[in-house]
Amino acid sequence: CFQYIADLCGPYVFAIFAALLLLFFLFAYFKVPETKGKSF
């Protein structure tokens, strides 16, 4: 889908990725625990 999205959004195509990355960061920050050195 990237080419179609790039044609639709033009130079702002990576703003979609930035928005999704912000959501992923917030989710990971609040929901993903540190597993280093921990048992199941």
PDB file of all heavy atoms in Angstrom:
ATOM      1  N   CYS A   1       0.798  -1.234   0.000  1.00  0.00           N
ATOM      2  CA  CYS A   1       0.000   0.000   0.000  1.00  0.00           C
ATOM      3  C   CYS A   1       0.829   1.281   0.000  1.00  0.00           C
ATOM      4  O   CYS A   1       0.278   2.363  -0.218  1.00  0.00           O
ATOM      5  CB  CYS A   1      -0.925   0.012   1.214  1.00  0.00           C
ATOM      6  SG  CYS A   1      -2.131  -1.314   1.229  1.00  0.00           S
ATOM      7  N   PHE A   2       2.134   1.173   0.255  1.00  0.00           N
ATOM      8  CA  PHE A   2       2.929   2.382   0.439  1.00  0.00           C
ATOM      9  C   PHE A   2       2.860   3.319  -0.762  1.00  0.00           C
ATOM     10  O   PHE A   2       2.685   4.525  -0.593  1.00  0.00           O
ATOM     11  CB  PHE A   2       4.394   2.055   0.756  1.00  0.00           C
ATOM     12  CG  PHE A   2       5.204   3.284   1.007  1.00  0.00           C
ATOM     13  CD1 PHE A   2       5.153   3.908   2.240  1.00  0.00           C
ATOM     14  CD2 PHE A   2       5.989   3.840   0.013  1.00  0.00           C
ATOM     15  CE1 PHE A   2       5.872   5.064   2.480  1.00  0.00           C
ATOM     16  CE2 PHE A   2       6.720   4.995   0.236  1.00  0.00           C
ATOM     17  CZ  PHE A   2       6.663   5.603   1.481  1.00  0.00           C
ATOM     18  N   GLN A   3       2.997   2.787  -1.957  1.00  0.00           N
ATOM     19  CA  GLN A   3       2.996   3.656  -3.137  1.00  0.00           C
ATOM     20  C   GLN A   3       1.676   4.411  -3.275  1.00  0.00           C
ATOM     21  O   GLN A   3       1.661   5.597  -3.607  1.00  0.00           O
ATOM     22  CB  GLN A   3       3.280   2.846  -4.405  1.00  0.00           C
ATOM     23  CG  GLN A   3       3.469   3.719  -5.630  1.00  0.00           C
ATOM     24  CD  GLN A   3       4.633   4.680  -5.488  1.00  0.00           C
ATOM     25  OE1 GLN A   3       5.741   4.293  -5.142  1.00  0.00           O
ATOM     26  NE2 GLN A   3       4.388   5.945  -5.753  1.00  0.00           N
ATOM     27  N   TYR A   4       0.559   3.734  -2.995  1.00  0.00           N
ATOM     28  CA  TYR A   4      -0.747   4.386  -3.084  1.00  0.00           C
ATOM     29  C   TYR A   4      -0.897   5.466  -2.010  1.00  0.00           C
ATOM     30  O   TYR A   4      -1.422   6.549  -2.272  1.00  0.00           O
ATOM     31  CB  TYR A   4      -1.872   3.364  -2.954  1.00  0.00           C
ATOM     32  CG  TYR A   4      -1.821   2.297  -4.015  1.00  0.00           C
ATOM     33  CD1 TYR A   4      -1.464   0.992  -3.703  1.00  0.00           C
ATOM     34  CD2 TYR A   4      -2.099   2.598  -5.349  1.00  0.00           C
ATOM     35  CE1 TYR A   4      -1.401   0.015  -4.684  1.00  0.00           C
ATOM     36  CE2 TYR A   4      -2.038   1.640  -6.331  1.00  0.00           C
ATOM     37  CZ  TYR A   4      -1.683   0.345  -5.993  1.00  0.00           C
ATOM     38  OH  TYR A   4      -1.617  -0.621  -6.964  1.00  0.00           O
ATOM     39  N   ILE A   5      -0.414   5.166  -0.818  1.00  0.00           N
ATOM     40  CA  ILE A   5      -0.476   6.152   0.271  1.00  0.00           C
ATOM     41  C   ILE A   5       0.442   7.329  -0.039  1.00  0.00           C
ATOM     42  O   ILE A   5       0.084   8.486   0.199  1.00  0.00           O
ATOM     43  CB  ILE A   5      -0.119   5.493   1.617  1.00  0.00           C
ATOM     44  CG1 ILE A   5      -1.166   4.430   1.978  1.00  0.00           C
ATOM     45  CG2 ILE A   5      -0.026   6.527   2.726  1.00  0.00           C
ATOM     46  CD1 ILE A   5      -0.778   3.557   3.143  1.00  0.00           C
ATOM     47  N   ALA A   6       1.622   7.053  -0.592  1.00  0.00           N
ATOM     48  CA  ALA A   6       2.550   8.130  -0.957  1.00  0.00           C
ATOM     49  C   ALA A   6       1.947   9.017  -2.044  1.00  0.00           C
ATOM     50  O   ALA A   6       2.090  10.247  -1.994  1.00  0.00           O
ATOM     51  CB  ALA A   6       3.887   7.544  -1.421  1.00  0.00           C
ATOM     52  N   ASP A   7       1.270   8.411  -3.016  1.00  0.00           N
ATOM     53  CA  ASP A   7       0.612   9.208  -4.058  1.00  0.00           C
ATOM     54  C   ASP A   7      -0.500  10.068  -3.465  1.00  0.00           C
ATOM     55  O   ASP A   7      -0.701  11.204  -3.897  1.00  0.00           O
ATOM     56  CB  ASP A   7       0.032   8.291  -5.140  1.00  0.00           C
ATOM     57  CG  ASP A   7       1.109   7.598  -5.964  1.00  0.00           C
ATOM     58  OD1 ASP A   7       2.279   8.048  -5.919  1.00  0.00           O
ATOM     59  OD2 ASP A   7       0.775   6.595  -6.626  1.00  0.00           O
ATOM     60  N   LEU A   8      -1.195   9.534  -2.476  1.00  0.00           N
ATOM     61  CA  LEU A   8      -2.303  10.254  -1.849  1.00  0.00           C
ATOM     62  C   LEU A   8      -1.815  11.367  -0.912  1.00  0.00           C
ATOM     63  O   LEU A   8      -2.353  12.467  -0.931  1.00  0.00           O
ATOM     64  CB  LEU A   8      -3.178   9.259  -1.068  1.00  0.00           C
ATOM     65  CG  LEU A   8      -4.425   9.800  -0.411  1.00  0.00           C
ATOM     66  CD1 LEU A   8      -5.435  10.248  -1.466  1.00  0.00           C
ATOM     67  CD2 LEU A   8      -5.049   8.740   0.480  1.00  0.00           C
ATOM     68  N   CYS A   9      -0.773  11.085  -0.131  1.00  0.00           N
ATOM     69  CA  CYS A   9      -0.318  12.031   0.899  1.00  0.00           C
ATOM     70  C   CYS A   9       0.837  12.923   0.457  1.00  0.00           C
ATOM     71  O   CYS A   9       1.131  13.915   1.131  1.00  0.00           O
ATOM     72  CB  CYS A   9       0.109  11.271   2.143  1.00  0.00           C
ATOM     73  SG  CYS A   9      -1.216  10.355   2.914  1.00  0.00           S
ATOM     74  N   GLY A  10       1.500  12.546  -0.608  1.00  0.00           N
ATOM     75  CA  GLY A  10       2.621  13.358  -1.066  1.00  0.00           C
ATOM     76  C   GLY A  10       3.757  13.352  -0.064  1.00  0.00           C
ATOM     77  O   GLY A  10       4.095  12.309   0.504  1.00  0.00           O
ATOM     78  N   PRO A  11       4.354  14.520   0.199  1.00  0.00           N
ATOM     79  CA  PRO A  11       5.513  14.565   1.091  1.00  0.00           C
ATOM     80  C   PRO A  11       5.172  14.291   2.559  1.00  0.00           C
ATOM     81  O   PRO A  11       6.060  14.138   3.379  1.00  0.00           O
ATOM     82  CB  PRO A  11       6.045  15.994   0.912  1.00  0.00           C
ATOM     83  CG  PRO A  11       4.877  16.775   0.462  1.00  0.00           C
ATOM     84  CD  PRO A  11       4.037  15.836  -0.356  1.00  0.00           C
ATOM     85  N   TYR A  12       3.900  14.210   2.872  1.00  0.00           N
ATOM     86  CA  TYR A  12       3.485  13.970   4.262  1.00  0.00           C
ATOM     87  C   TYR A  12       3.286  12.487   4.562  1.00  0.00           C
ATOM     88  O   TYR A  12       2.724  12.134   5.590  1.00  0.00           O
ATOM     89  CB  TYR A  12       2.201  14.747   4.559  1.00  0.00           C
ATOM     90  CG  TYR A  12       2.389  16.233   4.451  1.00  0.00           C
ATOM     91  CD1 TYR A  12       2.015  16.918   3.301  1.00  0.00           C
ATOM     92  CD2 TYR A  12       2.974  16.942   5.487  1.00  0.00           C
ATOM     93  CE1 TYR A  12       2.202  18.288   3.192  1.00  0.00           C
ATOM     94  CE2 TYR A  12       3.172  18.305   5.390  1.00  0.00           C
ATOM     95  CZ  TYR A  12       2.785  18.971   4.238  1.00  0.00           C
ATOM     96  OH  TYR A  12       2.974  20.322   4.136  1.00  0.00           O
ATOM     97  N   VAL A  13       3.727  11.618   3.674  1.00  0.00           N
ATOM     98  CA  VAL A  13       3.496  10.188   3.841  1.00  0.00           C
ATOM     99  C   VAL A  13       4.106   9.661   5.144  1.00  0.00           C
ATOM    100  O   VAL A  13       3.521   8.801   5.802  1.00  0.00           O
ATOM    101  CB  VAL A  13       3.997   9.388   2.624  1.00  0.00           C
ATOM    102  CG1 VAL A  13       5.499   9.463   2.478  1.00  0.00           C
ATOM    103  CG2 VAL A  13       3.532   7.947   2.692  1.00  0.00           C
ATOM    104  N   PHE A  14       5.256  10.191   5.545  1.00  0.00           N
ATOM    105  CA  PHE A  14       5.891   9.681   6.756  1.00  0.00           C
ATOM    106  C   PHE A  14       5.270  10.253   8.028  1.00  0.00           C
ATOM    107  O   PHE A  14       5.574   9.778   9.125  1.00  0.00           O
ATOM    108  CB  PHE A  14       7.401   9.928   6.715  1.00  0.00           C
ATOM    109  CG  PHE A  14       8.076   9.105   5.658  1.00  0.00           C
ATOM    110  CD1 PHE A  14       8.536   9.692   4.496  1.00  0.00           C
ATOM    111  CD2 PHE A  14       8.221   7.739   5.814  1.00  0.00           C
ATOM    112  CE1 PHE A  14       9.139   8.928   3.518  1.00  0.00           C
ATOM    113  CE2 PHE A  14       8.821   6.966   4.834  1.00  0.00           C
ATOM    114  CZ  PHE A  14       9.278   7.563   3.683  1.00  0.00           C
ATOM    115  N   ALA A  15       4.389  11.241   7.892  1.00  0.00           N
ATOM    116  CA  ALA A  15       3.653  11.733   9.060  1.00  0.00           C
ATOM    117  C   ALA A  15       2.727  10.638   9.594  1.00  0.00           C
ATOM    118  O   ALA A  15       2.502  10.547  10.810  1.00  0.00           O
ATOM    119  CB  ALA A  15       2.856  12.981   8.700  1.00  0.00           C
ATOM    120  N   ILE A  16       2.217   9.805   8.710  1.00  0.00           N
ATOM    121  CA  ILE A  16       1.384   8.670   9.141  1.00  0.00           C
ATOM    122  C   ILE A  16       2.218   7.724   9.995  1.00  0.00           C
ATOM    123  O   ILE A  16       1.783   7.283  11.063  1.00  0.00           O
ATOM    124  CB  ILE A  16       0.791   7.935   7.921  1.00  0.00           C
ATOM    125  CG1 ILE A  16      -0.150   8.856   7.159  1.00  0.00           C
ATOM    126  CG2 ILE A  16       0.093   6.651   8.341  1.00  0.00           C
ATOM    127  CD1 ILE A  16      -0.569   8.310   5.808  1.00  0.00           C
ATOM    128  N   PHE A  17       3.439   7.432   9.537  1.00  0.00           N
ATOM    129  CA  PHE A  17       4.326   6.576  10.314  1.00  0.00           C
ATOM    130  C   PHE A  17       4.662   7.219  11.655  1.00  0.00           C
ATOM    131  O   PHE A  17       4.722   6.539  12.678  1.00  0.00           O
ATOM    132  CB  PHE A  17       5.607   6.277   9.537  1.00  0.00           C
ATOM    133  CG  PHE A  17       5.403   5.352   8.383  1.00  0.00           C
ATOM    134  CD1 PHE A  17       5.243   5.857   7.103  1.00  0.00           C
ATOM    135  CD2 PHE A  17       5.355   3.990   8.570  1.00  0.00           C
ATOM    136  CE1 PHE A  17       5.057   5.006   6.035  1.00  0.00           C
ATOM    137  CE2 PHE A  17       5.171   3.125   7.502  1.00  0.00           C
ATOM    138  CZ  PHE A  17       5.013   3.638   6.237  1.00  0.00           C
ATOM    139  N   ALA A  18       4.893   8.527  11.653  1.00  0.00           N
ATOM    140  CA  ALA A  18       5.216   9.229  12.897  1.00  0.00           C
ATOM    141  C   ALA A  18       4.055   9.123  13.889  1.00  0.00           C
ATOM    142  O   ALA A  18       4.272   8.871  15.082  1.00  0.00           O
ATOM    143  CB  ALA A  18       5.553  10.688  12.614  1.00  0.00           C
ATOM    144  N   ALA A  19       2.836   9.299  13.403  1.00  0.00           N
ATOM    145  CA  ALA A  19       1.671   9.196  14.290  1.00  0.00           C
ATOM    146  C   ALA A  19       1.537   7.781  14.852  1.00  0.00           C
ATOM    147  O   ALA A  19       1.283   7.599  16.059  1.00  0.00           O
ATOM    148  CB  ALA A  19       0.402   9.594  13.540  1.00  0.00           C
ATOM    149  N   LEU A  20       1.717   6.787  14.005  1.00  0.00           N
ATOM    150  CA  LEU A  20       1.644   5.400  14.483  1.00  0.00           C
ATOM    151  C   LEU A  20       2.767   5.095  15.469  1.00  0.00           C
ATOM    152  O   LEU A  20       2.544   4.426  16.491  1.00  0.00           O
ATOM    153  CB  LEU A  20       1.690   4.433  13.306  1.00  0.00           C
ATOM    154  CG  LEU A  20       0.443   4.402  12.430  1.00  0.00           C
ATOM    155  CD1 LEU A  20       0.683   3.567  11.181  1.00  0.00           C
ATOM    156  CD2 LEU A  20      -0.746   3.865  13.208  1.00  0.00           C
ATOM    157  N   LEU A  21       3.954   5.599  15.207  1.00  0.00           N
ATOM    158  CA  LEU A  21       5.070   5.379  16.122  1.00  0.00           C
ATOM    159  C   LEU A  21       4.826   6.038  17.473  1.00  0.00           C
ATOM    160  O   LEU A  21       5.197   5.491  18.517  1.00  0.00           O
ATOM    161  CB  LEU A  21       6.374   5.889  15.506  1.00  0.00           C
ATOM    162  CG  LEU A  21       6.948   4.996  14.413  1.00  0.00           C
ATOM    163  CD1 LEU A  21       7.972   5.757  13.577  1.00  0.00           C
ATOM    164  CD2 LEU A  21       7.549   3.742  15.008  1.00  0.00           C
ATOM    165  N   LEU A  22       4.178   7.193  17.475  1.00  0.00           N
ATOM    166  CA  LEU A  22       3.826   7.836  18.741  1.00  0.00           C
ATOM    167  C   LEU A  22       2.851   6.960  19.525  1.00  0.00           C
ATOM    168  O   LEU A  22       3.017   6.761  20.736  1.00  0.00           O
ATOM    169  CB  LEU A  22       3.224   9.226  18.500  1.00  0.00           C
ATOM    170  CG  LEU A  22       2.781   9.975  19.756  1.00  0.00           C
ATOM    171  CD1 LEU A  22       3.957  10.210  20.698  1.00  0.00           C
ATOM    172  CD2 LEU A  22       2.119  11.282  19.373  1.00  0.00           C
ATOM    173  N   LEU A  23       1.852   6.407  18.845  1.00  0.00           N
ATOM    174  CA  LEU A  23       0.909   5.502  19.514  1.00  0.00           C
ATOM    175  C   LEU A  23       1.615   4.259  20.050  1.00  0.00           C
ATOM    176  O   LEU A  23       1.370   3.833  21.180  1.00  0.00           O
ATOM    177  CB  LEU A  23      -0.217   5.101  18.566  1.00  0.00           C
ATOM    178  CG  LEU A  23      -1.197   6.196  18.171  1.00  0.00           C
ATOM    179  CD1 LEU A  23      -2.172   5.690  17.113  1.00  0.00           C
ATOM    180  CD2 LEU A  23      -1.949   6.696  19.393  1.00  0.00           C
ATOM    181  N   PHE A  24       2.512   3.687  19.251  1.00  0.00           N
ATOM    182  CA  PHE A  24       3.258   2.503  19.685  1.00  0.00           C
ATOM    183  C   PHE A  24       4.137   2.828  20.889  1.00  0.00           C
ATOM    184  O   PHE A  24       4.241   2.045  21.825  1.00  0.00           O
ATOM    185  CB  PHE A  24       4.130   1.952  18.559  1.00  0.00           C
ATOM    186  CG  PHE A  24       3.365   1.485  17.352  1.00  0.00           C
ATOM    187  CD1 PHE A  24       3.946   1.500  16.111  1.00  0.00           C
ATOM    188  CD2 PHE A  24       2.049   1.043  17.450  1.00  0.00           C
ATOM    189  CE1 PHE A  24       3.262   1.064  14.988  1.00  0.00           C
ATOM    190  CE2 PHE A  24       1.347   0.620  16.341  1.00  0.00           C
ATOM    191  CZ  PHE A  24       1.954   0.632  15.103  1.00  0.00           C
ATOM    192  N   PHE A  25       4.768   4.011  20.863  1.00  0.00           N
ATOM    193  CA  PHE A  25       5.612   4.421  21.987  1.00  0.00           C
ATOM    194  C   PHE A  25       4.787   4.549  23.260  1.00  0.00           C
ATOM    195  O   PHE A  25       5.181   4.053  24.318  1.00  0.00           O
ATOM    196  CB  PHE A  25       6.319   5.754  21.679  1.00  0.00           C
ATOM    197  CG  PHE A  25       7.167   6.238  22.814  1.00  0.00           C
ATOM    198  CD1 PHE A  25       8.472   5.798  22.954  1.00  0.00           C
ATOM    199  CD2 PHE A  25       6.665   7.123  23.758  1.00  0.00           C
ATOM    200  CE1 PHE A  25       9.256   6.231  24.005  1.00  0.00           C
ATOM    201  CE2 PHE A  25       7.438   7.554  24.813  1.00  0.00           C
ATOM    202  CZ  PHE A  25       8.739   7.108  24.951  1.00  0.00           C
ATOM    203  N   LEU A  26       3.641   5.222  23.167  1.00  0.00           N
ATOM    204  CA  LEU A  26       2.794   5.393  24.352  1.00  0.00           C
ATOM    205  C   LEU A  26       2.301   4.052  24.882  1.00  0.00           C
ATOM    206  O   LEU A  26       2.282   3.818  26.094  1.00  0.00           O
ATOM    207  CB  LEU A  26       1.618   6.323  24.033  1.00  0.00           C
ATOM    208  CG  LEU A  26       2.006   7.773  23.757  1.00  0.00           C
ATOM    209  CD1 LEU A  26       0.799   8.570  23.267  1.00  0.00           C
ATOM    210  CD2 LEU A  26       2.619   8.420  24.999  1.00  0.00           C
ATOM    211  N   PHE A  27       1.896   3.166  23.974  1.00  0.00           N
ATOM    212  CA  PHE A  27       1.451   1.840  24.398  1.00  0.00           C
ATOM    213  C   PHE A  27       2.579   1.106  25.118  1.00  0.00           C
ATOM    214  O   PHE A  27       2.392   0.551  26.203  1.00  0.00           O
ATOM    215  CB  PHE A  27       0.964   1.020  23.201  1.00  0.00           C
ATOM    216  CG  PHE A  27       0.605  -0.383  23.571  1.00  0.00           C
ATOM    217  CD1 PHE A  27      -0.625  -0.672  24.137  1.00  0.00           C
ATOM    218  CD2 PHE A  27       1.512  -1.425  23.376  1.00  0.00           C
ATOM    219  CE1 PHE A  27      -0.956  -1.970  24.502  1.00  0.00           C
ATOM    220  CE2 PHE A  27       1.190  -2.717  23.735  1.00  0.00           C
ATOM    221  CZ  PHE A  27      -0.046  -2.994  24.298  1.00  0.00           C
ATOM    222  N   ALA A  28       3.762   1.092  24.520  1.00  0.00           N
ATOM    223  CA  ALA A  28       4.897   0.387  25.120  1.00  0.00           C
ATOM    224  C   ALA A  28       5.286   1.019  26.451  1.00  0.00           C
ATOM    225  O   ALA A  28       5.626   0.312  27.404  1.00  0.00           O
ATOM    226  CB  ALA A  28       6.082   0.382  24.160  1.00  0.00           C
ATOM    227  N   TYR A  29       5.247   2.338  26.527  1.00  0.00           N
ATOM    228  CA  TYR A  29       5.624   3.030  27.761  1.00  0.00           C
ATOM    229  C   TYR A  29       4.699   2.655  28.910  1.00  0.00           C
ATOM    230  O   TYR A  29       5.147   2.422  30.034  1.00  0.00           O
ATOM    231  CB  TYR A  29       5.629   4.541  27.537  1.00  0.00           C
ATOM    232  CG  TYR A  29       6.081   5.314  28.741  1.00  0.00           C
ATOM    233  CD1 TYR A  29       7.439   5.436  29.025  1.00  0.00           C
ATOM    234  CD2 TYR A  29       5.167   5.915  29.595  1.00  0.00           C
ATOM    235  CE1 TYR A  29       7.867   6.134  30.132  1.00  0.00           C
ATOM    236  CE2 TYR A  29       5.590   6.615  30.705  1.00  0.00           C
ATOM    237  CZ  TYR A  29       6.938   6.730  30.973  1.00  0.00           C
ATOM    238  OH  TYR A  29       7.364   7.420  32.076  1.00  0.00           O
ATOM    239  N   PHE A  30       3.400   2.592  28.637  1.00  0.00           N
ATOM    240  CA  PHE A  30       2.434   2.349  29.698  1.00  0.00           C
ATOM    241  C   PHE A  30       2.091   0.874  29.907  1.00  0.00           C
ATOM    242  O   PHE A  30       1.643   0.499  30.987  1.00  0.00           O
ATOM    243  CB  PHE A  30       1.146   3.138  29.428  1.00  0.00           C
ATOM    244  CG  PHE A  30       1.329   4.621  29.616  1.00  0.00           C
ATOM    245  CD1 PHE A  30       1.291   5.474  28.527  1.00  0.00           C
ATOM    246  CD2 PHE A  30       1.571   5.153  30.867  1.00  0.00           C
ATOM    247  CE1 PHE A  30       1.471   6.838  28.692  1.00  0.00           C
ATOM    248  CE2 PHE A  30       1.750   6.521  31.040  1.00  0.00           C
ATOM    249  CZ  PHE A  30       1.710   7.367  29.944  1.00  0.00           C
ATOM    250  N   LYS A  31       2.295   0.019  28.924  1.00  0.00           N
ATOM    251  CA  LYS A  31       1.809  -1.358  29.034  1.00  0.00           C
ATOM    252  C   LYS A  31       2.875  -2.438  28.989  1.00  0.00           C
ATOM    253  O   LYS A  31       2.647  -3.538  29.469  1.00  0.00           O
ATOM    254  CB  LYS A  31       0.788  -1.644  27.915  1.00  0.00           C
ATOM    255  CG  LYS A  31      -0.465  -0.801  27.990  1.00  0.00           C
ATOM    256  CD  LYS A  31      -1.304  -1.182  29.178  1.00  0.00           C
ATOM    257  CE  LYS A  31      -2.610  -0.418  29.207  1.00  0.00           C
ATOM    258  NZ  LYS A  31      -3.390  -0.716  30.383  1.00  0.00           N
ATOM    259  N   VAL A  32       4.019  -2.183  28.391  1.00  0.00           N
ATOM    260  CA  VAL A  32       5.023  -3.234  28.225  1.00  0.00           C
ATOM    261  C   VAL A  32       5.991  -3.195  29.405  1.00  0.00           C
ATOM    262  O   VAL A  32       6.646  -2.183  29.639  1.00  0.00           O
ATOM    263  CB  VAL A  32       5.788  -3.062  26.889  1.00  0.00           C
ATOM    264  CG1 VAL A  32       6.904  -4.088  26.766  1.00  0.00           C
ATOM    265  CG2 VAL A  32       4.826  -3.160  25.720  1.00  0.00           C
ATOM    266  N   PRO A  33       6.104  -4.307  30.142  1.00  0.00           N
ATOM    267  CA  PRO A  33       7.022  -4.326  31.292  1.00  0.00           C
ATOM    268  C   PRO A  33       8.454  -4.633  30.858  1.00  0.00           C
ATOM    269  O   PRO A  33       8.689  -5.144  29.768  1.00  0.00           O
ATOM    270  CB  PRO A  33       6.474  -5.490  32.135  1.00  0.00           C
ATOM    271  CG  PRO A  33       5.905  -6.431  31.117  1.00  0.00           C
ATOM    272  CD  PRO A  33       5.335  -5.544  30.032  1.00  0.00           C
ATOM    273  N   GLU A  34       9.394  -4.312  31.722  1.00  0.00           N
ATOM    274  CA  GLU A  34      10.786  -4.714  31.495  1.00  0.00           C
ATOM    275  C   GLU A  34      10.895  -6.193  31.842  1.00  0.00           C
ATOM    276  O   GLU A  34      10.443  -6.613  32.901  1.00  0.00           O
ATOM    277  CB  GLU A  34      11.737  -3.896  32.367  1.00  0.00           C
ATOM    278  CG  GLU A  34      13.193  -4.313  32.268  1.00  0.00           C
ATOM    279  CD  GLU A  34      13.745  -4.218  30.860  1.00  0.00           C
ATOM    280  OE1 GLU A  34      13.915  -3.093  30.369  1.00  0.00           O
ATOM    281  OE2 GLU A  34      13.984  -5.275  30.254  1.00  0.00           O
ATOM    282  N   THR A  35      11.460  -6.974  30.958  1.00  0.00           N
ATOM    283  CA  THR A  35      11.581  -8.416  31.186  1.00  0.00           C
ATOM    284  C   THR A  35      13.017  -8.841  31.456  1.00  0.00           C
ATOM    285  O   THR A  35      13.263 -10.013  31.695  1.00  0.00           O
ATOM    286  CB  THR A  35      11.029  -9.205  29.975  1.00  0.00           C
ATOM    287  OG1 THR A  35      11.754  -8.846  28.812  1.00  0.00           O
ATOM    288  CG2 THR A  35       9.553  -8.923  29.767  1.00  0.00           C
ATOM    289  N   LYS A  36      13.948  -7.903  31.432  1.00  0.00           N
ATOM    290  CA  LYS A  36      15.363  -8.219  31.635  1.00  0.00           C
ATOM    291  C   LYS A  36      15.579  -8.831  33.018  1.00  0.00           C
ATOM    292  O   LYS A  36      15.216  -8.249  34.035  1.00  0.00           O
ATOM    293  CB  LYS A  36      16.192  -6.949  31.502  1.00  0.00           C
ATOM    294  CG  LYS A  36      17.653  -7.126  31.819  1.00  0.00           C
ATOM    295  CD  LYS A  36      18.364  -5.792  31.757  1.00  0.00           C
ATOM    296  CE  LYS A  36      19.617  -5.828  32.554  1.00  0.00           C
ATOM    297  NZ  LYS A  36      20.209  -4.522  32.694  1.00  0.00           N
ATOM    298  N   GLY A  37      16.155 -10.016  33.030  1.00  0.00           N
ATOM    299  CA  GLY A  37      16.506 -10.656  34.294  1.00  0.00           C
ATOM    300  C   GLY A  37      15.331 -11.161  35.106  1.00  0.00           C
ATOM    301  O   GLY A  37      15.503 -11.459  36.283  1.00  0.00           O
ATOM    302  N   LYS A  38      14.158 -11.252  34.522  1.00  0.00           N
ATOM    303  CA  LYS A  38      12.975 -11.703  35.256  1.00  0.00           C
ATOM    304  C   LYS A  38      12.511 -13.047  34.721  1.00  0.00           C
ATOM    305  O   LYS A  38      12.578 -13.307  33.524  1.00  0.00           O
ATOM    306  CB  LYS A  38      11.840 -10.689  35.137  1.00  0.00           C
ATOM    307  CG  LYS A  38      12.133  -9.367  35.809  1.00  0.00           C
ATOM    308  CD  LYS A  38      10.952  -8.446  35.724  1.00  0.00           C
ATOM    309  CE  LYS A  38      11.277  -7.117  36.394  1.00  0.00           C
ATOM    310  NZ  LYS A  38      10.220  -6.145  36.206  1.00  0.00           N
ATOM    311  N   SER A  39      12.028 -13.868  35.623  1.00  0.00           N
ATOM    312  CA  SER A  39      11.466 -15.149  35.207  1.00  0.00           C
ATOM    313  C   SER A  39      10.048 -14.925  34.703  1.00  0.00           C
ATOM    314  O   SER A  39       9.452 -13.856  34.899  1.00  0.00           O
ATOM    315  CB  SER A  39      11.436 -16.120  36.393  1.00  0.00           C
ATOM    316  OG  SER A  39      10.506 -15.668  37.358  1.00  0.00           O
ATOM    317  N   PHE A  40       9.506 -15.962  34.068  1.00  0.00           N
ATOM    318  CA  PHE A  40       8.132 -15.853  33.589  1.00  0.00           C
ATOM    319  C   PHE A  40       7.184 -15.563  34.737  1.00  0.00           C
ATOM    320  O   PHE A  40       6.254 -14.760  34.600  1.00  0.00           O
ATOM    321  CB  PHE A  40       7.701 -17.152  32.878  1.00  0.00           C
ATOM    322  CG  PHE A  40       6.227 -17.194  32.626  1.00  0.00           C
ATOM    323  CD1 PHE A  40       5.661 -16.414  31.633  1.00  0.00           C
ATOM    324  CD2 PHE A  40       5.391 -17.970  33.406  1.00  0.00           C
ATOM    325  CE1 PHE A  40       4.304 -16.412  31.415  1.00  0.00           C
ATOM    326  CE2 PHE A  40       4.029 -17.981  33.198  1.00  0.00           C
ATOM    327  CZ  PHE A  40       3.490 -17.203  32.193  1.00  0.00           C
TER     328      PHE A  40
END
